[in-house]
Protein backbone atom coordinates (compact mmCIF):
# COMPACT_ATOMS: atom_id res chain seq x y z
CA MET A 1 -14.48 -3.59 28.79
CA ARG A 2 -15.04 -1.22 26.36
CA HIS A 3 -11.77 -1.57 24.53
CA GLU A 4 -12.75 -5.30 24.24
CA VAL A 5 -16.27 -4.59 22.89
CA ILE A 6 -14.56 -2.20 20.10
CA ARG A 7 -12.18 -4.93 19.19
CA ARG A 8 -14.80 -7.57 18.70
CA ALA A 9 -16.96 -5.17 16.70
CA ARG A 10 -13.89 -4.65 14.54
CA GLY A 11 -12.73 -8.26 13.91
CA ALA A 12 -16.73 -9.17 12.88
CA ILE A 13 -16.59 -6.04 10.84
CA ALA A 14 -13.45 -7.34 9.02
CA ALA A 15 -14.88 -10.46 8.64
CA LEU A 16 -18.08 -9.40 7.02
CA VAL A 17 -16.23 -7.33 4.81
CA LEU A 18 -13.78 -10.26 4.06
CA ALA A 19 -16.87 -12.43 3.31
CA GLY A 20 -18.63 -9.77 0.77
CA LEU A 21 -15.08 -9.61 -1.01
CA VAL A 22 -14.97 -13.59 -1.39
CA VAL A 23 -18.49 -13.86 -2.88
CA ALA A 24 -18.59 -10.56 -4.93
CA PRO A 25 -17.29 -11.93 -8.40
CA TRP A 26 -20.33 -14.46 -7.90
CA VAL A 27 -22.31 -11.29 -7.51
CA VAL A 28 -21.03 -8.29 -10.22
CA ASP A 29 -20.35 -8.90 -13.62
CA ASP A 30 -17.10 -9.40 -14.86
CA TYR A 31 -16.40 -6.10 -15.58
CA THR A 32 -16.45 -5.04 -11.98
CA THR A 33 -14.42 -8.19 -11.39
CA ALA A 34 -11.70 -6.97 -12.85
CA ILE A 35 -11.92 -3.30 -11.37
CA LEU A 36 -11.77 -5.02 -8.06
CA ALA A 37 -8.88 -6.58 -8.77
CA ARG A 38 -6.93 -3.81 -10.19
CA THR A 39 -8.57 -2.31 -6.57
CA LEU A 40 -6.76 -4.75 -4.79
CA ALA A 41 -3.48 -4.28 -6.05
CA LEU A 42 -3.73 -0.66 -5.73
CA ALA A 43 -5.07 -0.90 -2.15
CA LEU A 44 -1.63 -3.06 -1.71
CA VAL A 45 0.34 -0.12 -2.41
CA GLY A 46 -1.29 2.04 0.19
CA VAL A 47 -0.81 -0.67 2.93
CA SER A 48 3.02 0.26 1.88
CA VAL A 49 2.24 3.74 1.85
CA ALA A 50 0.68 3.38 5.62
CA LEU A 51 3.72 1.36 6.79
CA LEU A 52 6.08 4.23 5.70
CA THR A 53 4.06 6.96 6.46
CA GLY A 54 2.16 6.49 9.50
CA VAL A 55 4.19 3.49 11.08
CA ALA A 56 7.87 4.43 10.57
CA GLY A 57 7.17 8.40 9.84
CA LEU A 58 8.62 8.96 6.30
CA PRO A 59 5.72 10.36 4.34
CA THR A 60 6.11 9.09 0.91
CA LEU A 61 5.00 9.79 -2.70
CA GLY A 62 7.07 7.44 -4.41
CA GLN A 63 5.48 3.72 -3.78
CA THR A 64 4.71 3.70 -7.42
CA ALA A 65 8.42 3.25 -8.16
CA PRO A 66 8.73 -0.09 -6.59
CA TYR A 67 5.12 -0.72 -7.42
CA ALA A 68 6.55 -0.68 -11.39
CA ALA A 69 9.82 -2.30 -10.83
CA GLY A 70 7.71 -5.56 -9.50
CA ALA A 71 4.99 -4.93 -12.31
CA TYR A 72 7.63 -4.85 -15.26
CA ALA A 73 9.64 -7.70 -13.50
CA CYS A 74 6.44 -9.89 -13.13
CA ALA A 75 5.87 -9.20 -17.17
CA VAL A 76 9.32 -10.41 -18.21
CA VAL A 77 9.56 -13.34 -16.24
CA GLY A 78 5.94 -14.11 -17.26
CA SER A 79 6.91 -13.84 -20.92
CA ARG A 80 10.40 -15.51 -20.89
CA VAL A 81 10.91 -17.47 -17.69
CA SER A 82 7.79 -18.81 -16.20
CA ASP A 83 3.73 -18.60 -15.61
CA VAL A 84 3.76 -19.58 -12.15
CA GLY A 85 2.08 -16.71 -10.09
CA ILE A 86 4.47 -17.45 -6.81
CA VAL A 87 7.38 -17.35 -8.87
CA GLN A 88 6.43 -13.86 -10.60
CA LEU A 89 5.31 -12.74 -6.83
CA ALA A 90 8.40 -13.69 -5.34
CA VAL A 91 10.62 -11.78 -8.34
CA ALA A 92 8.46 -8.90 -8.45
CA ALA A 93 8.48 -8.50 -4.35
CA GLY A 94 12.36 -8.96 -4.87
CA ALA A 95 12.45 -6.30 -7.58
CA GLY A 96 10.23 -3.76 -5.32
CA ALA A 97 12.82 -4.42 -2.19
CA VAL A 98 15.73 -3.88 -4.68
CA LEU A 99 15.04 -0.55 -6.00
CA ALA A 100 14.03 0.25 -2.11
CA ALA A 101 17.29 -0.57 -0.78
CA LEU A 102 19.04 1.65 -3.68
CA THR A 103 17.02 4.36 -2.75
CA VAL A 104 17.67 3.83 1.37
CA PRO A 105 20.45 6.34 1.60
CA LEU A 106 18.12 9.16 -0.22
CA VAL A 107 15.15 8.41 1.90
CA VAL A 108 16.22 7.52 5.62
CA HIS A 109 18.31 10.17 6.75
CA ALA A 110 15.72 13.08 5.30
CA ARG A 111 12.46 13.87 7.03
CA GLY A 112 9.54 15.52 7.09
CA VAL A 113 8.83 17.56 3.55
CA VAL A 114 11.83 16.53 2.55
CA VAL A 115 11.33 12.96 2.54
CA LEU A 116 8.36 13.83 0.41
CA MET A 117 9.85 15.71 -2.39
CA ILE A 118 12.66 13.16 -2.75
CA THR A 119 10.23 9.86 -2.87
CA LEU A 120 8.14 12.26 -5.57
CA ALA A 121 11.62 12.86 -7.66
CA ILE A 122 12.20 9.15 -7.48
CA GLY A 123 8.86 8.16 -8.80
CA GLU A 124 8.81 10.65 -11.26
CA LEU A 125 12.32 9.46 -12.39
CA ALA A 126 11.01 6.04 -12.42
CA VAL A 127 8.29 6.70 -14.88
CA VAL A 128 10.48 8.72 -17.15
CA VAL A 129 12.94 5.55 -17.36
CA LEU A 130 10.14 3.31 -18.10
CA GLY A 131 9.08 5.37 -21.10
CA ARG A 132 12.64 5.52 -22.36
CA TRP A 133 13.41 2.13 -21.85
CA ARG A 134 11.75 0.63 -25.13
CA SER A 135 13.52 -2.76 -25.14
CA VAL A 136 12.33 -3.87 -21.83
CA THR A 137 9.33 -1.78 -20.99
CA GLY A 138 7.95 -1.48 -24.46
CA GLY A 139 8.48 2.42 -23.56
CA THR A 140 4.97 4.33 -23.60
CA ASP A 141 2.91 2.03 -25.28
CA GLY A 142 3.75 -0.48 -22.19
CA LEU A 143 3.75 -4.60 -22.64
CA ALA A 144 0.49 -5.67 -24.13
CA GLY A 145 -0.58 -9.57 -24.36
CA ILE A 146 0.89 -10.87 -21.31
CA ALA A 147 0.33 -14.41 -20.48
CA ALA A 148 -2.07 -15.90 -17.94
CA VAL A 149 -0.76 -17.18 -14.86
CA ARG A 150 -1.00 -20.52 -12.97
CA PRO A 151 -0.65 -19.87 -9.22
CA PHE A 152 1.45 -23.05 -8.81
CA TRP A 153 3.02 -25.72 -10.47
CA GLY A 154 0.48 -28.26 -12.38
CA LEU A 155 -2.52 -26.01 -11.56
CA PRO A 156 -4.70 -24.35 -14.56
CA THR A 157 -4.06 -20.73 -15.67
CA LEU A 158 -6.19 -17.99 -14.18
CA ALA A 159 -8.50 -17.79 -17.64
CA ASN A 160 -11.19 -15.58 -16.30
CA ASP A 161 -11.60 -12.46 -14.13
CA GLN A 162 -13.22 -14.59 -11.23
CA SER A 163 -10.12 -16.73 -10.93
CA ARG A 164 -7.76 -13.84 -11.08
CA TYR A 165 -9.75 -11.77 -8.76
CA LEU A 166 -9.75 -14.30 -6.12
CA TYR A 167 -5.60 -14.98 -6.74
CA ALA A 168 -5.73 -11.23 -6.00
CA LEU A 169 -7.56 -11.35 -3.15
CA VAL A 170 -5.66 -14.15 -1.60
CA VAL A 171 -2.65 -12.68 -1.89
CA THR A 172 -3.77 -9.33 -0.66
CA ALA A 173 -5.02 -10.97 2.53
CA THR A 174 -1.84 -13.13 2.88
CA LEU A 175 0.60 -9.99 2.78
CA VAL A 176 -1.77 -7.58 4.72
CA GLY A 177 -2.15 -10.34 7.47
CA ALA A 178 1.56 -10.89 7.85
CA VAL A 179 2.25 -6.80 7.99
CA LEU A 180 -0.16 -6.25 10.94
CA LEU A 181 1.92 -9.39 12.54
CA LEU A 182 4.94 -8.21 12.04
CA LEU A 183 3.78 -4.41 13.36
CA ARG A 184 2.96 -6.52 16.45
CA THR A 185 6.32 -7.66 17.28
CA ARG A 186 9.06 -5.60 18.58
CA ALA A 187 10.31 -4.15 15.32
CA GLY A 188 6.70 -2.99 14.62
CA LEU A 189 6.80 -1.13 18.12
CA LEU A 190 10.43 0.55 17.87
CA LEU A 191 9.05 1.77 14.62
CA ARG A 192 6.48 3.75 16.01
CA ALA A 193 8.51 4.79 19.03
CA GLY A 194 10.80 6.41 16.51
CA ARG A 195 7.87 7.84 14.79
CA ASP A 196 6.78 9.76 18.07
CA ASP A 197 10.10 10.30 19.78
CA GLU A 198 13.11 9.60 17.62
CA ALA A 199 15.70 11.28 19.96
CA ARG A 200 14.80 9.42 22.96
CA LEU A 201 14.73 6.39 21.05
CA ARG A 202 18.62 7.41 19.61
CA ALA A 203 19.34 8.06 23.22
CA SER A 204 18.42 4.61 24.60
CA GLY A 205 21.00 3.04 22.30
CA HIS A 206 18.51 2.06 19.35
CA ARG A 207 19.87 2.14 15.66
CA VAL A 208 16.95 3.93 14.22
CA PRO A 209 18.00 4.33 10.53
CA LEU A 210 18.63 0.65 10.66
CA TYR A 211 14.85 0.41 11.56
CA LEU A 212 13.64 2.76 8.92
CA SER A 213 16.11 1.18 6.46
CA GLY A 214 14.38 -2.17 7.07
CA ALA A 215 10.89 -0.60 7.07
CA HIS A 216 11.48 0.91 3.51
CA ILE A 217 12.77 -2.37 2.10
CA ALA A 218 9.69 -3.84 3.44
CA ALA A 219 7.58 -1.26 1.89
CA GLY A 220 9.30 -1.79 -1.26
CA ALA A 221 8.41 -5.44 -1.45
CA ILE A 222 5.01 -5.55 -0.49
CA ALA A 223 4.55 -2.38 -3.27
CA GLY A 224 6.67 -4.53 -5.67
CA ALA A 225 4.17 -7.78 -5.19
CA ALA A 226 1.27 -5.07 -5.52
CA GLY A 227 2.91 -4.97 -9.13
CA SER A 228 2.46 -8.41 -10.02
CA LEU A 229 -1.03 -8.38 -9.30
CA LEU A 230 -1.83 -5.74 -11.28
CA VAL A 231 -0.12 -7.66 -14.25
CA VAL A 232 -2.37 -10.58 -13.32
CA ALA A 233 -5.33 -8.37 -13.28
CA GLN A 234 -5.14 -6.72 -16.63
CA GLN A 235 -2.37 -8.46 -18.39
CA TYR A 236 -1.31 -5.09 -19.93
CA ILE A 237 0.70 -1.75 -18.02
CA SER A 238 2.46 1.05 -19.14
CA PRO A 239 3.92 3.83 -17.39
CA ALA A 240 0.80 5.65 -17.42
CA ASP A 241 -0.13 3.07 -14.35
CA PHE A 242 2.37 4.70 -12.28
CA GLY A 243 2.39 8.23 -12.68
CA PHE A 244 2.08 11.18 -10.04
CA ASP A 245 -1.96 10.96 -10.31
CA THR A 246 -1.64 7.52 -8.94
CA SER A 247 0.82 8.21 -6.07
CA ALA A 248 -1.15 11.22 -4.87
CA LEU A 249 -4.46 9.13 -4.70
CA LEU A 250 -2.90 6.60 -2.46
CA LEU A 251 -1.59 8.89 -0.25
CA LEU A 252 -5.18 10.35 -0.11
CA GLY A 253 -6.71 7.22 0.35
CA VAL A 254 -3.97 6.44 3.29
CA VAL A 255 -4.80 10.16 4.65
CA ILE A 256 -9.01 9.22 4.81
CA GLY A 257 -7.84 5.79 6.12
CA GLY A 258 -5.73 6.86 8.80
CA THR A 259 -1.96 7.06 8.15
CA ALA A 260 -1.31 4.98 11.29
CA SER A 261 -3.85 2.26 10.56
CA VAL A 262 -2.74 -0.27 7.86
CA GLY A 263 -6.62 -1.76 7.82
CA GLY A 264 -7.94 1.63 7.34
CA ALA A 265 -5.19 2.63 4.80
CA LEU A 266 -6.14 -0.37 2.92
CA VAL A 267 -10.11 0.54 2.83
CA GLY A 268 -9.20 4.07 1.99
CA ALA A 269 -7.12 3.57 -0.71
CA ALA A 270 -10.04 0.98 -2.38
CA LEU A 271 -12.38 3.71 -1.65
CA VAL A 272 -10.74 6.15 -3.50
CA ILE A 273 -9.81 4.57 -6.26
CA ALA A 274 -13.40 3.45 -6.66
CA ALA A 275 -14.54 7.25 -6.48
CA ARG A 276 -11.97 7.83 -9.04
CA ASP A 277 -13.47 5.45 -11.62
CA TRP A 278 -16.85 6.57 -10.69
CA LEU A 279 -16.09 10.62 -10.61
CA PHE A 280 -14.33 9.93 -14.51
CA GLY A 281 -17.49 8.53 -15.63
CA LEU A 282 -19.67 10.94 -14.26
CA LEU A 283 -17.81 14.44 -14.12
CA PRO A 284 -15.53 13.52 -17.35
CA GLY A 285 -12.57 16.29 -17.12
CA HIS A 286 -13.75 17.51 -13.86
CA ALA A 287 -12.58 14.40 -11.83
CA PRO A 288 -9.06 15.39 -10.91
CA LEU A 289 -10.54 18.60 -9.27
CA VAL A 290 -12.97 16.90 -7.18
CA LEU A 291 -10.71 14.61 -5.90
CA GLY A 292 -7.95 17.67 -5.38
CA LEU A 293 -10.55 19.51 -3.14
CA LEU A 294 -11.16 16.19 -1.26
CA PHE A 295 -7.93 15.99 -0.42
CA VAL A 296 -7.79 19.24 0.59
CA ALA A 297 -10.94 18.95 2.77
CA THR A 298 -9.55 15.89 4.39
CA VAL A 299 -6.37 17.18 5.83
CA TYR A 300 -8.29 20.13 7.12
CA LEU A 301 -11.21 18.00 8.45
CA LEU A 302 -9.75 14.75 9.30
CA PRO A 303 -5.91 15.16 9.80
CA THR A 304 -5.38 12.02 11.46
CA GLY A 305 -7.87 10.22 9.20
CA VAL A 306 -11.28 8.59 9.90
CA ASN A 307 -9.66 5.80 12.00
CA ARG A 308 -7.96 8.09 14.67
CA ALA A 309 -11.00 10.73 14.37
CA ARG A 310 -13.52 8.46 16.30
CA SER A 311 -10.87 7.97 19.14
CA ARG A 312 -11.58 11.80 19.68
CA LEU A 313 -15.22 10.92 20.71
CA ARG A 314 -14.40 8.29 23.15
CA PRO A 315 -14.45 9.32 27.04
CA PRO A 316 -10.77 10.93 28.04
CA GLU A 317 -8.75 8.56 30.14
CA ALA A 318 -6.78 9.68 33.54
CA PRO A 319 -3.79 11.44 32.70
CA SER A 320 -0.78 9.84 33.81
CA HIS A 321 1.91 11.51 35.90
CA GLN A 322 4.54 9.35 34.67
CA PRO A 323 6.01 9.78 30.95
CA ALA A 324 5.83 6.91 28.94
CA ALA A 325 8.96 5.43 27.25
CA PRO A 326 8.70 5.52 23.37
CA GLU A 327 8.38 1.40 23.09
CA GLN A 328 5.71 1.75 25.88
CA ALA A 329 4.12 4.36 24.25
CA ALA A 330 4.28 2.32 21.11
CA VAL A 331 2.65 -0.61 22.93
CA ALA A 332 -0.01 1.17 24.21
CA GLU A 333 -1.17 2.57 20.96
CA SER A 334 -0.79 -0.80 19.46
CA HIS A 335 -3.75 -2.19 21.83
CA ARG A 336 -6.15 1.12 21.09
């Protein structure tokens, strides 16, 4: 009964948040609307970080690499091939997935801090390549004057901040919904089972590296799609949009929201990005220091995130004398 009440309360809160996001462009000014659109793009990258870090058990600091690949692929297609948003979105997601597939051998066979360092190196290498490949990326100057997109063939272009924000909101909500549905399937349960007890899952005959490879490629596609939203939102991109500070902020947001919670990671990433923009204006030159202290405090005070910390306040359930199999444990976690 209590779980049903909690589930309904979460659904009601999610509906209220979504309704608030829908009416936001008619309540706030154009500048804030543009910031919200960019925040949605970064929050979607946070979802890909949560998918790898919390669900698959591969902590990452390198999701800015497929994010950048998707953004630049979208910009190039928009300038030379098509101004249709759905085409650019598909190309961006494909670019992110391809880059993730190329790095699969480096990532899925490592664990723990090693994965963190490998993905950090991949992200930093991507920024270096973007800065030097001037003929395609414009180098450190970036690409400016990117044409406005139209969502589908025959529709008008997204010519103002409101329409661009609503486009980003629809795409983000659709992709987040798809991820949540995917995590309720057998594939999502197996990912959680491998995170909790990889040795036991291997002993059961499951091909854990194959599942992790699929999760890594899917997360790359999500990050690539987020890159297309960044292009739509600000019509300008540069390597500075994909640096280490962005990776660290996204990981911080996922930690705050709860690494195993896609919804929590989405909210956490959005809150951290909003706090960064606010702190930069309030404490010029000191915002990185404040965010660093916030990161340390979060790791010590909320090591499992706000979403999981709340579960500690619930009455403990009666212990079971039968050890749960990895897949059964994952099923139980998905219903919490």
